Amino acid sequence: MVAGAGPAGMEAARVVALQGHNVSLFDAAGDIGGKIVQSALAPGKESYLDVLAYLRRQLARLQVKIYTGRRITQNDIIDLAYDAIVVATGSVDKTPAIAGLVPGKMMSTESVFSHPERVGDRAVIIGGGDVGAELAHFIMSVRKVEIFIIDPQEHIAHGMPQDSRICLLDELKTDTQLHIISRRVSAELITIRFFIPRTVASA
C-alpha cells in the first residue's frame, strides 16, 4: 500500500511495482498528482504536467490499483492487511506564531493557487524561499496586486537552483508593486491578507 498519490507516492508505487509487487495507491483527494498540479500553475512550470502524465502512464502500464477520495485510517491498515505500507502524505502548511494574525485574512499557498480571485489588492507573503517567491510570481501573472514578501534572510528565492533563481528574480524585478522586506517585521506592519508558503514537510 502507498498512502498519498502526490509525485513521491506515485514514484514509490511505480518503483515497487517494477520490482514485481502488487501495489495499491490511495489518496484522500479526488485525483492523483498532489502538489505537482499546484506547482504547474506557476509561470514557467507548465512542464510539470508532463511529469504527471508520465507517472500516470507508468502506473497504468504496471497495473497499480488507484483509489482516490479515500483517507486511510488505522482500521484500514488492520483490515486490508498489506505486507508493507509506504507513507507519502506530503507536507502541510504551518501558520507562524505572530501576534495579531487574523485567521479570516490568512490563506494557505494551496488555496491561493486554487482561488487567486480571492486575493485582495494588497498581500503579504510570509517566507521568501522558493515557494514564497514562486507564489508572488503566480499572483503577479494573474492580477495586479501590491505584494510584500517578508523573509529574515538577505535575499529571496533561496534554496532554488541558481539558474532558475536568476530567471525568477528577473521576472519579479519587472513588477513595481513588489516589495521585499528581508528582515523580521513587527506584527503592526502586517495588517493585510496573508499567504503562508509551505514551511513544514514530513517524509
N, C-alpha and C. Protein backbone atom coordinates (compact mmCIF):
# COMPACT_ATOMS: atom_id res chain seq x y z
N MET A 1 0.84 -1.19 0.00
CA MET A 1 0.00 0.00 0.00
C MET A 1 0.88 1.25 0.00
N VAL A 2 0.51 2.21 -0.82
CA VAL A 2 1.15 3.52 -0.77
C VAL A 2 0.06 4.53 -0.40
N ALA A 3 0.27 5.24 0.69
CA ALA A 3 -0.69 6.25 1.14
C ALA A 3 -0.19 7.62 0.71
N GLY A 4 -0.92 8.25 -0.21
CA GLY A 4 -0.52 9.54 -0.74
C GLY A 4 -0.11 9.42 -2.19
N ALA A 5 -0.88 10.08 -3.08
CA ALA A 5 -0.62 9.94 -4.51
C ALA A 5 -0.11 11.23 -5.13
N GLY A 6 0.75 11.91 -4.37
CA GLY A 6 1.49 13.02 -4.96
C GLY A 6 2.65 12.47 -5.77
N PRO A 7 3.57 13.31 -6.21
CA PRO A 7 4.69 12.82 -7.03
C PRO A 7 5.54 11.78 -6.31
N ALA A 8 5.76 11.96 -5.00
CA ALA A 8 6.57 10.98 -4.25
C ALA A 8 5.84 9.64 -4.15
N GLY A 9 4.56 9.69 -3.82
CA GLY A 9 3.79 8.46 -3.71
C GLY A 9 3.64 7.74 -5.03
N MET A 10 3.45 8.49 -6.11
CA MET A 10 3.33 7.88 -7.44
C MET A 10 4.64 7.22 -7.85
N GLU A 11 5.74 7.89 -7.57
CA GLU A 11 7.04 7.32 -7.92
C GLU A 11 7.34 6.08 -7.07
N ALA A 12 6.97 6.14 -5.79
CA ALA A 12 7.17 4.96 -4.92
C ALA A 12 6.35 3.79 -5.44
N ALA A 13 5.10 4.04 -5.83
CA ALA A 13 4.26 2.98 -6.36
C ALA A 13 4.85 2.40 -7.64
N ARG A 14 5.39 3.26 -8.49
CA ARG A 14 5.99 2.80 -9.75
C ARG A 14 7.19 1.90 -9.48
N VAL A 15 8.08 2.34 -8.59
CA VAL A 15 9.30 1.58 -8.32
C VAL A 15 8.98 0.24 -7.68
N VAL A 16 8.05 0.24 -6.73
CA VAL A 16 7.68 -1.02 -6.05
C VAL A 16 7.02 -1.98 -7.04
N ALA A 17 6.18 -1.45 -7.91
CA ALA A 17 5.52 -2.29 -8.91
C ALA A 17 6.54 -2.87 -9.89
N LEU A 18 7.56 -2.11 -10.22
CA LEU A 18 8.60 -2.60 -11.12
C LEU A 18 9.33 -3.80 -10.52
N GLN A 19 9.33 -3.89 -9.21
CA GLN A 19 10.00 -4.99 -8.53
C GLN A 19 9.11 -6.23 -8.42
N GLY A 20 7.93 -6.15 -9.03
CA GLY A 20 7.07 -7.32 -9.10
C GLY A 20 5.99 -7.40 -8.05
N HIS A 21 5.82 -6.36 -7.26
CA HIS A 21 4.81 -6.40 -6.20
C HIS A 21 3.46 -5.88 -6.72
N ASN A 22 2.40 -6.36 -6.11
CA ASN A 22 1.07 -5.80 -6.37
C ASN A 22 0.90 -4.57 -5.49
N VAL A 23 0.60 -3.45 -6.12
CA VAL A 23 0.60 -2.18 -5.40
C VAL A 23 -0.77 -1.52 -5.49
N SER A 24 -1.22 -0.98 -4.35
CA SER A 24 -2.44 -0.17 -4.29
C SER A 24 -2.04 1.23 -3.83
N LEU A 25 -2.53 2.23 -4.55
CA LEU A 25 -2.19 3.63 -4.27
C LEU A 25 -3.45 4.36 -3.81
N PHE A 26 -3.37 4.99 -2.64
CA PHE A 26 -4.54 5.67 -2.06
C PHE A 26 -4.26 7.17 -1.92
N ASP A 27 -5.31 7.96 -2.13
CA ASP A 27 -5.20 9.40 -1.86
C ASP A 27 -6.55 9.94 -1.42
N ALA A 28 -6.51 10.87 -0.47
CA ALA A 28 -7.75 11.44 0.05
C ALA A 28 -8.39 12.41 -0.94
N ALA A 29 -7.60 12.95 -1.87
CA ALA A 29 -8.13 13.90 -2.84
C ALA A 29 -8.90 13.18 -3.94
N GLY A 30 -9.57 13.95 -4.75
CA GLY A 30 -10.38 13.36 -5.81
C GLY A 30 -9.59 12.88 -7.00
N ASP A 31 -8.30 13.20 -7.07
CA ASP A 31 -7.46 12.75 -8.19
C ASP A 31 -6.03 12.64 -7.69
N ILE A 32 -5.20 11.95 -8.46
CA ILE A 32 -3.80 11.82 -8.09
C ILE A 32 -3.02 13.03 -8.61
N GLY A 33 -1.81 13.19 -8.11
CA GLY A 33 -0.97 14.29 -8.57
C GLY A 33 -0.47 15.17 -7.44
N GLY A 34 -1.29 15.36 -6.41
CA GLY A 34 -0.87 16.15 -5.26
C GLY A 34 -0.46 17.56 -5.64
N LYS A 35 0.61 18.03 -5.01
CA LYS A 35 1.03 19.41 -5.19
C LYS A 35 1.72 19.67 -6.52
N ILE A 36 2.00 18.61 -7.29
CA ILE A 36 2.60 18.85 -8.60
C ILE A 36 1.63 19.58 -9.51
N VAL A 37 0.33 19.36 -9.30
CA VAL A 37 -0.68 20.07 -10.08
C VAL A 37 -0.65 21.55 -9.73
N GLN A 38 -0.56 21.83 -8.44
CA GLN A 38 -0.46 23.22 -7.98
C GLN A 38 0.81 23.88 -8.50
N SER A 39 1.93 23.16 -8.41
CA SER A 39 3.21 23.72 -8.84
C SER A 39 3.21 24.09 -10.31
N ALA A 40 2.48 23.32 -11.12
CA ALA A 40 2.44 23.56 -12.56
C ALA A 40 1.72 24.85 -12.91
N LEU A 41 0.99 25.44 -11.97
CA LEU A 41 0.30 26.69 -12.22
C LEU A 41 1.25 27.88 -12.21
N ALA A 42 2.40 27.73 -11.57
CA ALA A 42 3.37 28.82 -11.53
C ALA A 42 3.93 29.07 -12.92
N PRO A 43 4.10 30.33 -13.31
CA PRO A 43 4.65 30.63 -14.64
C PRO A 43 5.97 29.93 -14.89
N GLY A 44 6.10 29.29 -16.04
CA GLY A 44 7.31 28.59 -16.40
C GLY A 44 7.40 27.17 -15.89
N LYS A 45 6.41 26.72 -15.13
CA LYS A 45 6.43 25.38 -14.55
C LYS A 45 5.39 24.46 -15.20
N GLU A 46 4.88 24.86 -16.35
CA GLU A 46 3.84 24.08 -17.01
C GLU A 46 4.31 22.68 -17.36
N SER A 47 5.60 22.51 -17.57
CA SER A 47 6.15 21.20 -17.94
C SER A 47 6.02 20.18 -16.82
N TYR A 48 5.71 20.63 -15.61
CA TYR A 48 5.50 19.69 -14.52
C TYR A 48 4.36 18.73 -14.83
N LEU A 49 3.41 19.20 -15.64
CA LEU A 49 2.28 18.34 -16.01
C LEU A 49 2.75 17.18 -16.88
N ASP A 50 3.87 17.36 -17.59
CA ASP A 50 4.43 16.26 -18.37
C ASP A 50 4.91 15.14 -17.45
N VAL A 51 5.47 15.52 -16.30
CA VAL A 51 5.90 14.52 -15.31
C VAL A 51 4.68 13.76 -14.79
N LEU A 52 3.61 14.48 -14.51
CA LEU A 52 2.39 13.84 -14.03
C LEU A 52 1.83 12.88 -15.07
N ALA A 53 1.83 13.31 -16.32
CA ALA A 53 1.32 12.44 -17.39
C ALA A 53 2.16 11.18 -17.52
N TYR A 54 3.48 11.32 -17.40
CA TYR A 54 4.38 10.16 -17.47
C TYR A 54 4.08 9.17 -16.34
N LEU A 55 3.93 9.70 -15.12
CA LEU A 55 3.67 8.82 -13.98
C LEU A 55 2.31 8.13 -14.12
N ARG A 56 1.32 8.83 -14.64
CA ARG A 56 0.01 8.20 -14.88
C ARG A 56 0.15 7.03 -15.85
N ARG A 57 0.90 7.23 -16.92
CA ARG A 57 1.07 6.16 -17.91
C ARG A 57 1.79 4.97 -17.30
N GLN A 58 2.81 5.24 -16.51
CA GLN A 58 3.58 4.15 -15.91
C GLN A 58 2.73 3.34 -14.92
N LEU A 59 1.93 4.04 -14.12
CA LEU A 59 1.09 3.34 -13.16
C LEU A 59 0.05 2.48 -13.86
N ALA A 60 -0.48 2.99 -14.96
CA ALA A 60 -1.46 2.21 -15.74
C ALA A 60 -0.79 0.98 -16.35
N ARG A 61 0.41 1.18 -16.89
CA ARG A 61 1.12 0.06 -17.53
C ARG A 61 1.46 -1.03 -16.52
N LEU A 62 1.79 -0.62 -15.30
CA LEU A 62 2.18 -1.57 -14.26
C LEU A 62 0.98 -2.10 -13.47
N GLN A 63 -0.21 -1.67 -13.87
CA GLN A 63 -1.46 -2.14 -13.26
C GLN A 63 -1.53 -1.85 -11.76
N VAL A 64 -1.07 -0.67 -11.39
CA VAL A 64 -1.20 -0.23 -10.00
C VAL A 64 -2.66 0.15 -9.75
N LYS A 65 -3.24 -0.38 -8.70
CA LYS A 65 -4.63 -0.06 -8.36
C LYS A 65 -4.67 1.29 -7.67
N ILE A 66 -5.52 2.18 -8.16
CA ILE A 66 -5.58 3.55 -7.63
C ILE A 66 -6.95 3.79 -7.00
N TYR A 67 -6.92 4.29 -5.77
CA TYR A 67 -8.15 4.61 -5.03
C TYR A 67 -8.08 6.06 -4.59
N THR A 68 -8.92 6.91 -5.16
CA THR A 68 -8.93 8.32 -4.79
C THR A 68 -10.17 8.63 -3.95
N GLY A 69 -10.12 9.77 -3.28
CA GLY A 69 -11.22 10.14 -2.41
C GLY A 69 -11.32 9.27 -1.18
N ARG A 70 -10.23 8.69 -0.78
CA ARG A 70 -10.25 7.78 0.37
C ARG A 70 -9.07 8.05 1.29
N ARG A 71 -9.38 8.46 2.49
CA ARG A 71 -8.35 8.71 3.50
C ARG A 71 -8.13 7.44 4.32
N ILE A 72 -6.89 6.99 4.39
CA ILE A 72 -6.56 5.75 5.09
C ILE A 72 -6.65 5.95 6.60
N THR A 73 -7.32 5.03 7.26
CA THR A 73 -7.44 5.06 8.72
C THR A 73 -6.68 3.89 9.33
N GLN A 74 -6.58 3.89 10.64
CA GLN A 74 -5.92 2.78 11.33
C GLN A 74 -6.66 1.48 11.08
N ASN A 75 -7.98 1.53 11.04
CA ASN A 75 -8.76 0.32 10.78
C ASN A 75 -8.49 -0.22 9.38
N ASP A 76 -8.30 0.69 8.41
CA ASP A 76 -7.98 0.24 7.05
C ASP A 76 -6.67 -0.54 7.05
N ILE A 77 -5.69 -0.02 7.76
CA ILE A 77 -4.38 -0.68 7.79
C ILE A 77 -4.50 -2.09 8.36
N ILE A 78 -5.32 -2.22 9.38
CA ILE A 78 -5.50 -3.54 10.00
C ILE A 78 -6.32 -4.47 9.10
N ASP A 79 -7.43 -3.95 8.58
CA ASP A 79 -8.35 -4.79 7.81
C ASP A 79 -7.78 -5.20 6.45
N LEU A 80 -7.07 -4.27 5.79
CA LEU A 80 -6.58 -4.57 4.45
C LEU A 80 -5.34 -5.47 4.47
N ALA A 81 -4.64 -5.47 5.58
CA ALA A 81 -3.52 -6.42 5.81
C ALA A 81 -2.50 -6.44 4.68
N TYR A 82 -1.99 -5.27 4.30
CA TYR A 82 -0.92 -5.21 3.31
C TYR A 82 0.40 -5.66 3.94
N ASP A 83 1.30 -6.17 3.11
CA ASP A 83 2.60 -6.61 3.62
C ASP A 83 3.48 -5.43 4.05
N ALA A 84 3.30 -4.31 3.38
CA ALA A 84 4.11 -3.13 3.70
C ALA A 84 3.31 -1.88 3.35
N ILE A 85 3.63 -0.79 4.04
CA ILE A 85 2.95 0.48 3.81
C ILE A 85 4.00 1.56 3.58
N VAL A 86 3.84 2.32 2.50
CA VAL A 86 4.68 3.48 2.23
C VAL A 86 3.84 4.72 2.52
N VAL A 87 4.31 5.55 3.43
CA VAL A 87 3.59 6.78 3.76
C VAL A 87 4.20 7.93 2.99
N ALA A 88 3.42 8.51 2.09
CA ALA A 88 3.89 9.62 1.25
C ALA A 88 2.81 10.70 1.21
N THR A 89 2.38 11.09 2.40
CA THR A 89 1.25 12.02 2.51
C THR A 89 1.65 13.48 2.35
N GLY A 90 2.92 13.74 2.14
CA GLY A 90 3.35 15.09 1.77
C GLY A 90 3.46 16.06 2.93
N SER A 91 3.47 17.33 2.59
CA SER A 91 3.71 18.40 3.56
C SER A 91 2.40 19.07 3.97
N VAL A 92 2.48 19.84 5.02
CA VAL A 92 1.32 20.60 5.49
C VAL A 92 1.73 22.05 5.69
N ASP A 93 0.77 22.95 5.57
CA ASP A 93 1.04 24.37 5.82
C ASP A 93 1.18 24.61 7.31
N LYS A 94 2.04 25.52 7.67
CA LYS A 94 2.24 25.88 9.07
C LYS A 94 2.03 27.38 9.24
N THR A 95 1.16 27.75 10.15
CA THR A 95 0.93 29.16 10.42
C THR A 95 1.92 29.64 11.47
N PRO A 96 2.72 30.63 11.17
CA PRO A 96 3.71 31.10 12.14
C PRO A 96 3.03 31.75 13.34
N ALA A 97 3.69 31.68 14.48
CA ALA A 97 3.13 32.26 15.71
C ALA A 97 3.47 33.75 15.76
N ILE A 98 2.65 34.55 15.12
CA ILE A 98 2.84 36.00 15.09
C ILE A 98 1.62 36.66 15.70
N ALA A 99 1.84 37.46 16.72
CA ALA A 99 0.73 38.14 17.38
C ALA A 99 0.03 39.07 16.39
N GLY A 100 -1.29 39.04 16.41
CA GLY A 100 -2.05 39.94 15.55
C GLY A 100 -2.54 39.32 14.27
N LEU A 101 -2.14 38.08 13.98
CA LEU A 101 -2.63 37.44 12.77
C LEU A 101 -4.13 37.19 12.90
N VAL A 102 -4.86 37.55 11.87
CA VAL A 102 -6.31 37.37 11.86
C VAL A 102 -6.63 36.19 10.96
N PRO A 103 -7.18 35.07 11.50
CA PRO A 103 -7.44 33.88 10.68
C PRO A 103 -8.24 34.17 9.41
N GLY A 104 -9.20 35.06 9.49
CA GLY A 104 -10.04 35.34 8.32
C GLY A 104 -9.29 36.02 7.19
N LYS A 105 -8.11 36.55 7.48
CA LYS A 105 -7.33 37.23 6.45
C LYS A 105 -6.14 36.39 6.00
N MET A 106 -6.08 35.14 6.40
CA MET A 106 -4.96 34.28 6.02
C MET A 106 -5.41 33.26 4.98
N MET A 107 -4.52 32.93 4.07
CA MET A 107 -4.75 31.88 3.09
C MET A 107 -3.49 31.04 2.98
N SER A 108 -3.66 29.76 2.73
CA SER A 108 -2.51 28.90 2.51
C SER A 108 -2.04 29.05 1.06
N THR A 109 -0.84 28.57 0.80
CA THR A 109 -0.33 28.58 -0.57
C THR A 109 -1.26 27.83 -1.51
N GLU A 110 -1.71 26.67 -1.05
CA GLU A 110 -2.58 25.85 -1.89
C GLU A 110 -3.87 26.57 -2.24
N SER A 111 -4.46 27.27 -1.27
CA SER A 111 -5.73 27.95 -1.53
C SER A 111 -5.53 29.14 -2.46
N VAL A 112 -4.36 29.77 -2.41
CA VAL A 112 -4.10 30.89 -3.32
C VAL A 112 -3.97 30.38 -4.75
N PHE A 113 -3.25 29.30 -4.94
CA PHE A 113 -3.13 28.73 -6.28
C PHE A 113 -4.49 28.29 -6.81
N SER A 114 -5.34 27.78 -5.92
CA SER A 114 -6.65 27.30 -6.34
C SER A 114 -7.66 28.43 -6.55
N HIS A 115 -7.54 29.50 -5.77
CA HIS A 115 -8.53 30.58 -5.82
C HIS A 115 -7.83 31.94 -5.83
N PRO A 116 -7.09 32.25 -6.88
CA PRO A 116 -6.40 33.55 -6.91
C PRO A 116 -7.35 34.74 -6.93
N GLU A 117 -8.60 34.51 -7.29
CA GLU A 117 -9.56 35.61 -7.31
C GLU A 117 -9.87 36.13 -5.92
N ARG A 118 -9.52 35.37 -4.89
CA ARG A 118 -9.78 35.80 -3.53
C ARG A 118 -8.69 36.71 -2.97
N VAL A 119 -7.64 36.89 -3.73
CA VAL A 119 -6.54 37.75 -3.29
C VAL A 119 -7.01 39.21 -3.33
N GLY A 120 -6.71 39.94 -2.27
CA GLY A 120 -7.08 41.35 -2.25
C GLY A 120 -6.14 42.20 -3.08
N ASP A 121 -6.25 43.51 -2.93
CA ASP A 121 -5.40 44.42 -3.68
C ASP A 121 -4.01 44.54 -3.09
N ARG A 122 -3.86 44.15 -1.82
CA ARG A 122 -2.56 44.17 -1.17
C ARG A 122 -2.39 42.85 -0.44
N ALA A 123 -1.20 42.28 -0.49
CA ALA A 123 -0.96 40.97 0.12
C ALA A 123 0.42 40.89 0.72
N VAL A 124 0.53 40.14 1.81
CA VAL A 124 1.81 39.85 2.44
C VAL A 124 2.09 38.36 2.27
N ILE A 125 3.27 38.03 1.83
CA ILE A 125 3.71 36.64 1.78
C ILE A 125 4.78 36.47 2.85
N ILE A 126 4.52 35.60 3.81
CA ILE A 126 5.48 35.35 4.88
C ILE A 126 6.36 34.18 4.46
N GLY A 127 7.60 34.46 4.21
CA GLY A 127 8.54 33.43 3.74
C GLY A 127 8.88 33.66 2.28
N GLY A 128 10.12 33.99 2.01
CA GLY A 128 10.52 34.31 0.64
C GLY A 128 11.42 33.27 0.01
N GLY A 129 11.28 32.01 0.44
CA GLY A 129 12.05 30.94 -0.19
C GLY A 129 11.51 30.62 -1.56
N ASP A 130 11.77 29.42 -2.05
CA ASP A 130 11.34 29.08 -3.40
C ASP A 130 9.82 29.12 -3.54
N VAL A 131 9.10 28.61 -2.53
CA VAL A 131 7.64 28.59 -2.61
C VAL A 131 7.08 30.00 -2.54
N GLY A 132 7.56 30.81 -1.59
CA GLY A 132 7.05 32.17 -1.46
C GLY A 132 7.32 33.02 -2.68
N ALA A 133 8.52 32.91 -3.25
CA ALA A 133 8.86 33.69 -4.44
C ALA A 133 8.03 33.27 -5.65
N GLU A 134 7.84 31.96 -5.82
CA GLU A 134 7.03 31.49 -6.94
C GLU A 134 5.55 31.85 -6.74
N LEU A 135 5.11 31.90 -5.49
CA LEU A 135 3.73 32.31 -5.23
C LEU A 135 3.53 33.76 -5.64
N ALA A 136 4.49 34.61 -5.32
CA ALA A 136 4.41 36.01 -5.73
C ALA A 136 4.36 36.12 -7.25
N HIS A 137 5.19 35.33 -7.91
CA HIS A 137 5.22 35.34 -9.38
C HIS A 137 3.87 34.91 -9.95
N PHE A 138 3.27 33.89 -9.34
CA PHE A 138 1.97 33.41 -9.80
C PHE A 138 0.91 34.49 -9.63
N ILE A 139 0.86 35.12 -8.46
CA ILE A 139 -0.14 36.17 -8.23
C ILE A 139 0.03 37.30 -9.24
N MET A 140 1.27 37.71 -9.48
CA MET A 140 1.55 38.78 -10.44
C MET A 140 1.09 38.42 -11.84
N SER A 141 1.14 37.14 -12.18
CA SER A 141 0.76 36.71 -13.52
C SER A 141 -0.76 36.68 -13.70
N VAL A 142 -1.49 36.65 -12.58
CA VAL A 142 -2.95 36.54 -12.64
C VAL A 142 -3.63 37.91 -12.57
N ARG A 143 -3.18 38.75 -11.66
CA ARG A 143 -3.80 40.05 -11.50
C ARG A 143 -2.85 41.01 -10.83
N LYS A 144 -3.21 42.28 -10.87
CA LYS A 144 -2.36 43.33 -10.31
C LYS A 144 -2.60 43.42 -8.81
N VAL A 145 -1.57 43.11 -8.04
CA VAL A 145 -1.65 43.11 -6.59
C VAL A 145 -0.36 43.70 -6.03
N GLU A 146 -0.48 44.54 -5.01
CA GLU A 146 0.71 45.02 -4.32
C GLU A 146 1.13 43.95 -3.32
N ILE A 147 2.35 43.45 -3.46
CA ILE A 147 2.80 42.30 -2.68
C ILE A 147 4.02 42.68 -1.84
N PHE A 148 3.99 42.26 -0.59
CA PHE A 148 5.12 42.39 0.32
C PHE A 148 5.62 41.00 0.67
N ILE A 149 6.87 40.70 0.36
CA ILE A 149 7.48 39.43 0.76
C ILE A 149 8.35 39.69 1.98
N ILE A 150 8.07 38.97 3.05
CA ILE A 150 8.83 39.14 4.30
C ILE A 150 9.64 37.88 4.56
N ASP A 151 10.95 38.06 4.71
CA ASP A 151 11.83 36.92 4.95
C ASP A 151 13.03 37.39 5.77
N PRO A 152 13.45 36.60 6.77
CA PRO A 152 14.57 37.02 7.61
C PRO A 152 15.92 36.95 6.91
N GLN A 153 16.00 36.25 5.78
CA GLN A 153 17.27 36.17 5.07
C GLN A 153 17.48 37.41 4.19
N GLU A 154 18.70 37.57 3.75
CA GLU A 154 19.04 38.77 2.99
C GLU A 154 18.40 38.78 1.61
N HIS A 155 18.26 37.59 0.98
CA HIS A 155 17.72 37.51 -0.37
C HIS A 155 16.55 36.53 -0.40
N ILE A 156 15.66 36.73 -1.38
CA ILE A 156 14.54 35.81 -1.54
C ILE A 156 14.89 34.72 -2.55
N ALA A 157 13.99 33.77 -2.69
CA ALA A 157 14.14 32.64 -3.61
C ALA A 157 15.34 31.78 -3.25
N HIS A 158 15.72 31.81 -1.99
CA HIS A 158 16.84 30.97 -1.55
C HIS A 158 16.39 29.51 -1.57
N GLY A 159 17.33 28.65 -1.85
CA GLY A 159 17.01 27.23 -1.93
C GLY A 159 16.70 26.75 -3.33
N MET A 160 16.59 27.67 -4.28
CA MET A 160 16.31 27.28 -5.67
C MET A 160 17.61 27.04 -6.41
N PRO A 161 17.59 26.21 -7.47
CA PRO A 161 18.76 26.11 -8.34
C PRO A 161 19.12 27.49 -8.89
N GLN A 162 20.40 27.76 -9.02
CA GLN A 162 20.84 29.11 -9.34
C GLN A 162 20.26 29.64 -10.66
N ASP A 163 20.21 28.80 -11.70
CA ASP A 163 19.70 29.30 -12.97
C ASP A 163 18.21 29.62 -12.88
N SER A 164 17.46 28.78 -12.19
CA SER A 164 16.03 29.05 -12.01
C SER A 164 15.81 30.29 -11.17
N ARG A 165 16.65 30.46 -10.16
CA ARG A 165 16.52 31.62 -9.28
C ARG A 165 16.77 32.92 -10.03
N ILE A 166 17.79 32.93 -10.87
CA ILE A 166 18.11 34.14 -11.64
C ILE A 166 16.96 34.51 -12.56
N CYS A 167 16.39 33.52 -13.24
CA CYS A 167 15.27 33.78 -14.15
C CYS A 167 14.05 34.31 -13.39
N LEU A 168 13.78 33.70 -12.22
CA LEU A 168 12.62 34.13 -11.44
C LEU A 168 12.81 35.55 -10.93
N LEU A 169 13.99 35.86 -10.42
CA LEU A 169 14.25 37.20 -9.90
C LEU A 169 14.16 38.25 -11.00
N ASP A 170 14.60 37.91 -12.19
CA ASP A 170 14.48 38.84 -13.33
C ASP A 170 13.01 39.15 -13.61
N GLU A 171 12.15 38.12 -13.51
CA GLU A 171 10.72 38.32 -13.73
C GLU A 171 10.13 39.19 -12.62
N LEU A 172 10.51 38.91 -11.39
CA LEU A 172 9.95 39.66 -10.27
C LEU A 172 10.37 41.13 -10.29
N LYS A 173 11.55 41.41 -10.79
CA LYS A 173 12.05 42.78 -10.82
C LYS A 173 11.22 43.69 -11.71
N THR A 174 10.47 43.11 -12.64
CA THR A 174 9.69 43.92 -13.58
C THR A 174 8.44 44.49 -12.94
N ASP A 175 8.07 44.01 -11.76
CA ASP A 175 6.83 44.47 -11.12
C ASP A 175 7.15 45.50 -10.05
N THR A 176 6.68 46.73 -10.27
CA THR A 176 6.97 47.80 -9.33
C THR A 176 6.12 47.72 -8.07
N GLN A 177 5.12 46.81 -8.05
CA GLN A 177 4.28 46.66 -6.87
C GLN A 177 4.77 45.56 -5.94
N LEU A 178 5.95 45.03 -6.21
CA LEU A 178 6.52 44.00 -5.35
C LEU A 178 7.54 44.64 -4.41
N HIS A 179 7.37 44.40 -3.11
CA HIS A 179 8.26 44.94 -2.10
C HIS A 179 8.86 43.80 -1.30
N ILE A 180 10.16 43.83 -1.10
CA ILE A 180 10.84 42.77 -0.36
C ILE A 180 11.36 43.34 0.95
N ILE A 181 10.95 42.73 2.05
CA ILE A 181 11.39 43.13 3.38
C ILE A 181 12.20 41.97 3.94
N SER A 182 13.51 42.05 3.83
CA SER A 182 14.36 40.91 4.16
C SER A 182 14.87 41.01 5.60
N ARG A 183 13.93 41.12 6.52
CA ARG A 183 14.24 41.13 7.94
C ARG A 183 12.94 40.86 8.69
N ARG A 184 13.03 40.59 9.99
CA ARG A 184 11.82 40.34 10.76
C ARG A 184 11.07 41.65 10.97
N VAL A 185 9.75 41.57 10.87
CA VAL A 185 8.92 42.76 10.95
C VAL A 185 7.91 42.58 12.06
N SER A 186 7.60 43.63 12.76
CA SER A 186 6.63 43.54 13.85
C SER A 186 5.24 43.31 13.29
N ALA A 187 4.37 42.76 14.11
CA ALA A 187 3.01 42.42 13.67
C ALA A 187 2.23 43.65 13.27
N GLU A 188 2.63 44.82 13.79
CA GLU A 188 1.89 46.03 13.44
C GLU A 188 1.96 46.35 11.96
N LEU A 189 3.02 45.90 11.28
CA LEU A 189 3.15 46.14 9.85
C LEU A 189 2.27 45.21 9.03
N ILE A 190 1.85 44.09 9.64
CA ILE A 190 1.14 43.06 8.90
C ILE A 190 -0.36 43.23 9.15
N THR A 191 -0.99 44.04 8.34
CA THR A 191 -2.41 44.33 8.55
C THR A 191 -3.26 43.98 7.35
N ILE A 192 -2.68 43.25 6.40
CA ILE A 192 -3.42 42.89 5.20
C ILE A 192 -3.40 41.39 5.00
N ARG A 193 -3.97 40.90 3.90
CA ARG A 193 -4.16 39.47 3.72
C ARG A 193 -2.83 38.72 3.66
N PHE A 194 -2.82 37.50 4.24
CA PHE A 194 -1.61 36.71 4.33
C PHE A 194 -1.64 35.51 3.41
N PHE A 195 -0.49 35.08 2.97
CA PHE A 195 -0.33 33.82 2.27
C PHE A 195 0.84 33.12 2.93
N ILE A 196 0.61 31.89 3.39
CA ILE A 196 1.62 31.18 4.16
C ILE A 196 2.23 30.09 3.29
N PRO A 197 3.44 30.28 2.75
CA PRO A 197 4.09 29.23 1.99
C PRO A 197 4.34 27.99 2.83
N ARG A 198 4.49 26.86 2.17
CA ARG A 198 4.72 25.59 2.87
C ARG A 198 6.05 25.68 3.62
N THR A 199 6.01 25.44 4.93
CA THR A 199 7.22 25.55 5.72
C THR A 199 7.56 24.27 6.48
N VAL A 200 6.66 23.29 6.49
CA VAL A 200 6.92 22.04 7.21
C VAL A 200 6.70 20.88 6.27
N ALA A 201 7.63 19.97 6.23
CA ALA A 201 7.47 18.78 5.37
C ALA A 201 7.66 17.53 6.20
N SER A 202 6.88 16.50 5.88
CA SER A 202 7.03 15.22 6.55
C SER A 202 7.31 14.14 5.52
N ALA A 203 8.26 13.27 5.80
CA ALA A 203 8.61 12.24 4.84
C ALA A 203 8.24 10.88 5.40
